[in-house]
């Protein structure tokens, strides 16, 4: 790989990243009034975080069972309105104890 192609790839990555972030601000003027779109945009960060986190929770341990148990305990802890940090600590401790 030569020096010219590396800079070209970096430039393309910069353009694509900025296009994704700037294009919605340019195309959408004013507040979004559609309930479906507002609901969709509200839940996108949560879904993205879940999709990135779930496979690692299950596959981070030598066998999937400790990860699955930690996930279920974390869901119960979150259901009882514990914060993000306590739920993460509880999940880590459960997974560690079950390994």
N, C-alpha and C. Protein backbone atom coordinates (compact mmCIF):
# COMPACT_ATOMS: atom_id res chain seq x y z
N UNK A 1 0.86 -1.17 0.00
CA UNK A 1 0.00 0.00 0.00
C UNK A 1 0.91 1.23 0.00
N UNK A 2 0.70 2.09 -0.95
CA UNK A 2 1.56 3.27 -1.03
C UNK A 2 0.96 4.45 -0.26
N UNK A 3 1.77 5.47 -0.10
CA UNK A 3 1.39 6.65 0.69
C UNK A 3 0.18 7.37 0.10
N UNK A 4 0.08 7.39 -1.22
CA UNK A 4 -1.01 8.10 -1.88
C UNK A 4 -2.36 7.45 -1.56
N UNK A 5 -2.44 6.13 -1.59
CA UNK A 5 -3.71 5.47 -1.35
C UNK A 5 -4.15 5.59 0.12
N UNK A 6 -3.20 5.63 1.05
CA UNK A 6 -3.56 5.79 2.46
C UNK A 6 -4.24 7.14 2.68
N UNK A 7 -3.69 8.19 2.10
CA UNK A 7 -4.31 9.51 2.24
C UNK A 7 -5.67 9.56 1.56
N UNK A 8 -5.81 8.87 0.44
CA UNK A 8 -7.09 8.82 -0.24
C UNK A 8 -8.14 8.12 0.62
N UNK A 9 -7.76 7.00 1.25
CA UNK A 9 -8.69 6.29 2.13
C UNK A 9 -9.08 7.14 3.34
N UNK A 10 -8.12 7.83 3.91
CA UNK A 10 -8.41 8.71 5.05
C UNK A 10 -9.35 9.83 4.63
N UNK A 11 -9.13 10.41 3.48
CA UNK A 11 -9.99 11.48 2.97
C UNK A 11 -11.41 10.97 2.74
N UNK A 12 -11.54 9.79 2.16
CA UNK A 12 -12.87 9.22 1.92
C UNK A 12 -13.58 8.95 3.26
N UNK A 13 -12.85 8.45 4.25
CA UNK A 13 -13.45 8.20 5.56
C UNK A 13 -13.91 9.50 6.20
N UNK A 14 -13.12 10.55 6.09
CA UNK A 14 -13.52 11.86 6.63
C UNK A 14 -14.77 12.37 5.94
N UNK A 15 -14.82 12.27 4.62
CA UNK A 15 -15.98 12.75 3.88
C UNK A 15 -17.25 11.98 4.23
N UNK A 16 -17.16 10.66 4.30
CA UNK A 16 -18.34 9.86 4.61
C UNK A 16 -18.83 10.15 6.03
N UNK A 17 -17.91 10.23 6.99
CA UNK A 17 -18.28 10.51 8.37
C UNK A 17 -18.96 11.87 8.50
N UNK A 18 -18.38 12.88 7.88
CA UNK A 18 -18.97 14.22 7.97
C UNK A 18 -20.27 14.31 7.19
N UNK A 19 -20.39 13.60 6.09
CA UNK A 19 -21.62 13.62 5.31
C UNK A 19 -22.78 13.04 6.13
N UNK A 20 -22.51 11.95 6.84
CA UNK A 20 -23.55 11.34 7.67
C UNK A 20 -23.99 12.29 8.78
N UNK A 21 -23.09 13.07 9.31
CA UNK A 21 -23.44 13.98 10.42
C UNK A 21 -24.03 15.30 9.95
N UNK A 22 -23.60 15.80 8.81
CA UNK A 22 -24.03 17.12 8.36
C UNK A 22 -25.30 17.05 7.52
N UNK A 23 -25.48 15.99 6.75
CA UNK A 23 -26.62 15.90 5.85
C UNK A 23 -27.96 16.04 6.56
N UNK A 24 -28.21 15.37 7.69
CA UNK A 24 -29.51 15.58 8.36
C UNK A 24 -29.73 17.03 8.80
N UNK A 25 -28.68 17.71 9.24
CA UNK A 25 -28.84 19.11 9.67
C UNK A 25 -29.17 20.00 8.48
N UNK A 26 -28.67 19.65 7.31
CA UNK A 26 -28.93 20.46 6.12
C UNK A 26 -30.33 20.19 5.57
N UNK A 27 -30.75 18.95 5.60
CA UNK A 27 -32.03 18.58 4.98
C UNK A 27 -33.24 18.82 5.87
N UNK A 28 -33.08 18.75 7.17
CA UNK A 28 -34.22 18.90 8.08
C UNK A 28 -34.22 20.30 8.67
N UNK A 29 -35.25 21.06 8.36
CA UNK A 29 -35.39 22.41 8.89
C UNK A 29 -36.55 22.43 9.89
N UNK A 30 -36.29 22.92 11.06
CA UNK A 30 -37.33 23.01 12.08
C UNK A 30 -37.50 21.71 12.84
N UNK A 31 -38.39 21.72 13.82
CA UNK A 31 -38.60 20.52 14.64
C UNK A 31 -39.32 19.43 13.85
N UNK A 32 -39.06 18.19 14.23
CA UNK A 32 -39.72 17.04 13.60
C UNK A 32 -41.05 16.83 14.33
N UNK A 33 -42.14 16.82 13.59
CA UNK A 33 -43.47 16.73 14.18
C UNK A 33 -44.08 15.34 14.07
N UNK A 34 -43.57 14.52 13.19
CA UNK A 34 -44.10 13.18 13.01
C UNK A 34 -43.79 12.33 14.24
N UNK A 35 -44.84 11.75 14.85
CA UNK A 35 -44.64 10.96 16.08
C UNK A 35 -43.80 9.72 15.84
N UNK A 36 -44.01 9.06 14.70
CA UNK A 36 -43.25 7.85 14.39
C UNK A 36 -41.76 8.16 14.25
N UNK A 37 -41.42 9.20 13.52
CA UNK A 37 -40.01 9.56 13.32
C UNK A 37 -39.38 10.00 14.64
N UNK A 38 -40.11 10.76 15.43
CA UNK A 38 -39.58 11.19 16.74
C UNK A 38 -39.34 10.00 17.65
N UNK A 39 -40.27 9.05 17.66
CA UNK A 39 -40.11 7.85 18.47
C UNK A 39 -38.92 7.03 17.97
N UNK A 40 -38.81 6.89 16.66
CA UNK A 40 -37.70 6.14 16.07
C UNK A 40 -36.36 6.78 16.46
N UNK A 41 -36.25 8.08 16.32
CA UNK A 41 -35.00 8.77 16.65
C UNK A 41 -34.69 8.73 18.15
N UNK A 42 -35.72 8.66 18.97
CA UNK A 42 -35.51 8.59 20.42
C UNK A 42 -34.84 7.27 20.80
N UNK A 43 -35.26 6.17 20.17
CA UNK A 43 -34.77 4.86 20.56
C UNK A 43 -33.52 4.41 19.81
N UNK A 44 -33.07 5.11 18.80
CA UNK A 44 -31.90 4.71 18.02
C UNK A 44 -30.65 4.56 18.90
N UNK A 45 -30.32 5.48 19.80
CA UNK A 45 -29.11 5.28 20.62
C UNK A 45 -29.19 4.03 21.49
N UNK A 46 -30.36 3.73 22.05
CA UNK A 46 -30.50 2.56 22.91
C UNK A 46 -30.34 1.27 22.11
N UNK A 47 -30.93 1.23 20.94
CA UNK A 47 -30.82 0.04 20.10
C UNK A 47 -29.38 -0.16 19.64
N UNK A 48 -28.72 0.92 19.28
CA UNK A 48 -27.32 0.83 18.85
C UNK A 48 -26.44 0.31 19.97
N UNK A 49 -26.63 0.83 21.16
CA UNK A 49 -25.86 0.37 22.31
C UNK A 49 -26.14 -1.10 22.60
N UNK A 50 -27.39 -1.51 22.52
CA UNK A 50 -27.73 -2.91 22.78
C UNK A 50 -27.12 -3.83 21.73
N UNK A 51 -27.17 -3.43 20.48
CA UNK A 51 -26.63 -4.26 19.40
C UNK A 51 -25.11 -4.39 19.54
N UNK A 52 -24.45 -3.36 20.00
CA UNK A 52 -22.99 -3.43 20.16
C UNK A 52 -22.61 -4.19 21.43
N UNK A 53 -23.44 -4.14 22.45
CA UNK A 53 -23.08 -4.71 23.75
C UNK A 53 -23.49 -6.17 23.89
N UNK A 54 -24.65 -6.54 23.41
CA UNK A 54 -25.19 -7.88 23.66
C UNK A 54 -24.26 -9.01 23.22
N UNK A 55 -23.73 -9.01 22.00
CA UNK A 55 -22.86 -10.14 21.62
C UNK A 55 -21.62 -10.25 22.50
N UNK A 56 -21.05 -9.13 22.91
CA UNK A 56 -19.87 -9.17 23.77
C UNK A 56 -20.20 -9.67 25.17
N UNK A 57 -21.39 -9.39 25.65
CA UNK A 57 -21.76 -9.89 26.98
C UNK A 57 -21.82 -11.41 26.98
N UNK A 58 -22.33 -11.98 25.92
CA UNK A 58 -22.49 -13.42 25.86
C UNK A 58 -21.18 -14.11 25.48
N UNK A 59 -20.40 -13.49 24.62
CA UNK A 59 -19.20 -14.14 24.09
C UNK A 59 -17.91 -13.76 24.83
N UNK A 60 -17.97 -12.91 25.82
CA UNK A 60 -16.76 -12.48 26.53
C UNK A 60 -16.24 -13.53 27.49
N UNK A 61 -17.09 -14.45 27.88
CA UNK A 61 -16.69 -15.50 28.81
C UNK A 61 -16.35 -16.77 28.03
N UNK A 62 -15.62 -17.70 28.65
CA UNK A 62 -15.25 -18.92 27.93
C UNK A 62 -16.46 -19.72 27.42
N UNK A 63 -17.53 -19.72 28.20
CA UNK A 63 -18.78 -20.34 27.74
C UNK A 63 -19.87 -19.27 27.81
N UNK A 64 -20.90 -19.38 27.01
CA UNK A 64 -21.95 -18.35 26.99
C UNK A 64 -22.79 -18.28 28.25
N UNK A 65 -22.83 -19.33 29.06
CA UNK A 65 -23.73 -19.36 30.22
C UNK A 65 -23.49 -18.22 31.22
N UNK A 66 -22.25 -17.95 31.66
CA UNK A 66 -22.07 -16.82 32.60
C UNK A 66 -22.50 -15.48 32.01
N UNK A 67 -22.26 -15.29 30.72
CA UNK A 67 -22.68 -14.05 30.09
C UNK A 67 -24.18 -13.91 30.03
N UNK A 68 -24.86 -15.00 29.75
CA UNK A 68 -26.33 -14.97 29.68
C UNK A 68 -26.92 -14.73 31.06
N UNK A 69 -26.37 -15.39 32.09
CA UNK A 69 -26.86 -15.18 33.46
C UNK A 69 -26.62 -13.73 33.89
N UNK A 70 -25.42 -13.20 33.58
CA UNK A 70 -25.12 -11.81 33.93
C UNK A 70 -26.08 -10.86 33.20
N UNK A 71 -26.38 -11.17 31.96
CA UNK A 71 -27.33 -10.34 31.19
C UNK A 71 -28.70 -10.34 31.84
N UNK A 72 -29.18 -11.51 32.24
CA UNK A 72 -30.50 -11.60 32.87
C UNK A 72 -30.53 -10.88 34.22
N UNK A 73 -29.47 -11.04 35.01
CA UNK A 73 -29.39 -10.33 36.29
C UNK A 73 -29.33 -8.82 36.04
N UNK A 74 -28.61 -8.40 35.01
CA UNK A 74 -28.54 -6.97 34.67
C UNK A 74 -29.89 -6.42 34.25
N UNK A 75 -30.66 -7.21 33.52
CA UNK A 75 -32.01 -6.77 33.13
C UNK A 75 -32.89 -6.60 34.36
N UNK A 76 -32.81 -7.54 35.29
CA UNK A 76 -33.60 -7.44 36.53
C UNK A 76 -33.15 -6.22 37.34
N UNK A 77 -31.83 -6.00 37.44
CA UNK A 77 -31.32 -4.84 38.19
C UNK A 77 -31.77 -3.54 37.54
N UNK A 78 -31.75 -3.49 36.22
CA UNK A 78 -32.20 -2.28 35.53
C UNK A 78 -33.71 -2.08 35.69
N UNK A 79 -34.44 -3.18 35.76
CA UNK A 79 -35.89 -3.09 35.95
C UNK A 79 -36.22 -2.43 37.29
N UNK A 80 -35.36 -2.67 38.29
CA UNK A 80 -35.56 -2.04 39.59
C UNK A 80 -34.91 -0.66 39.68
N UNK A 81 -34.65 -0.08 38.54
CA UNK A 81 -34.19 1.30 38.39
C UNK A 81 -32.82 1.60 38.99
N UNK A 82 -31.94 0.61 39.00
CA UNK A 82 -30.56 0.89 39.37
C UNK A 82 -29.91 1.64 38.22
N UNK A 83 -28.91 2.42 38.51
CA UNK A 83 -28.23 3.19 37.48
C UNK A 83 -27.35 2.33 36.59
N UNK A 84 -26.78 2.96 35.57
CA UNK A 84 -25.95 2.25 34.61
C UNK A 84 -24.71 1.65 35.27
N UNK A 85 -24.05 2.42 36.12
CA UNK A 85 -22.82 1.94 36.75
C UNK A 85 -23.08 0.76 37.69
N UNK A 86 -24.08 0.84 38.60
CA UNK A 86 -24.35 -0.33 39.45
C UNK A 86 -24.73 -1.58 38.66
N UNK A 87 -25.51 -1.42 37.60
CA UNK A 87 -25.89 -2.57 36.78
C UNK A 87 -24.66 -3.18 36.12
N UNK A 88 -23.77 -2.34 35.62
CA UNK A 88 -22.54 -2.84 34.99
C UNK A 88 -21.67 -3.58 36.00
N UNK A 89 -21.56 -3.02 37.21
CA UNK A 89 -20.75 -3.68 38.25
C UNK A 89 -21.36 -5.02 38.63
N UNK A 90 -22.68 -5.06 38.80
CA UNK A 90 -23.35 -6.31 39.15
C UNK A 90 -23.14 -7.36 38.06
N UNK A 91 -23.28 -6.96 36.81
CA UNK A 91 -23.09 -7.90 35.70
C UNK A 91 -21.66 -8.42 35.67
N UNK A 92 -20.69 -7.55 35.88
CA UNK A 92 -19.29 -7.98 35.88
C UNK A 92 -19.02 -8.96 37.01
N UNK A 93 -19.54 -8.66 38.20
CA UNK A 93 -19.31 -9.54 39.36
C UNK A 93 -19.96 -10.90 39.13
N UNK A 94 -21.19 -10.91 38.62
CA UNK A 94 -21.87 -12.18 38.36
C UNK A 94 -21.10 -13.00 37.32
N UNK A 95 -20.68 -12.37 36.25
CA UNK A 95 -19.94 -13.10 35.22
C UNK A 95 -18.62 -13.62 35.77
N UNK A 96 -17.95 -12.82 36.60
CA UNK A 96 -16.67 -13.24 37.19
C UNK A 96 -16.87 -14.42 38.13
N UNK A 97 -17.91 -14.38 38.93
CA UNK A 97 -18.15 -15.45 39.89
C UNK A 97 -18.55 -16.77 39.21
N UNK A 98 -19.19 -16.67 38.05
CA UNK A 98 -19.66 -17.88 37.36
C UNK A 98 -18.62 -18.48 36.42
N UNK A 99 -17.53 -17.81 36.20
CA UNK A 99 -16.50 -18.35 35.30
C UNK A 99 -15.77 -19.49 36.00
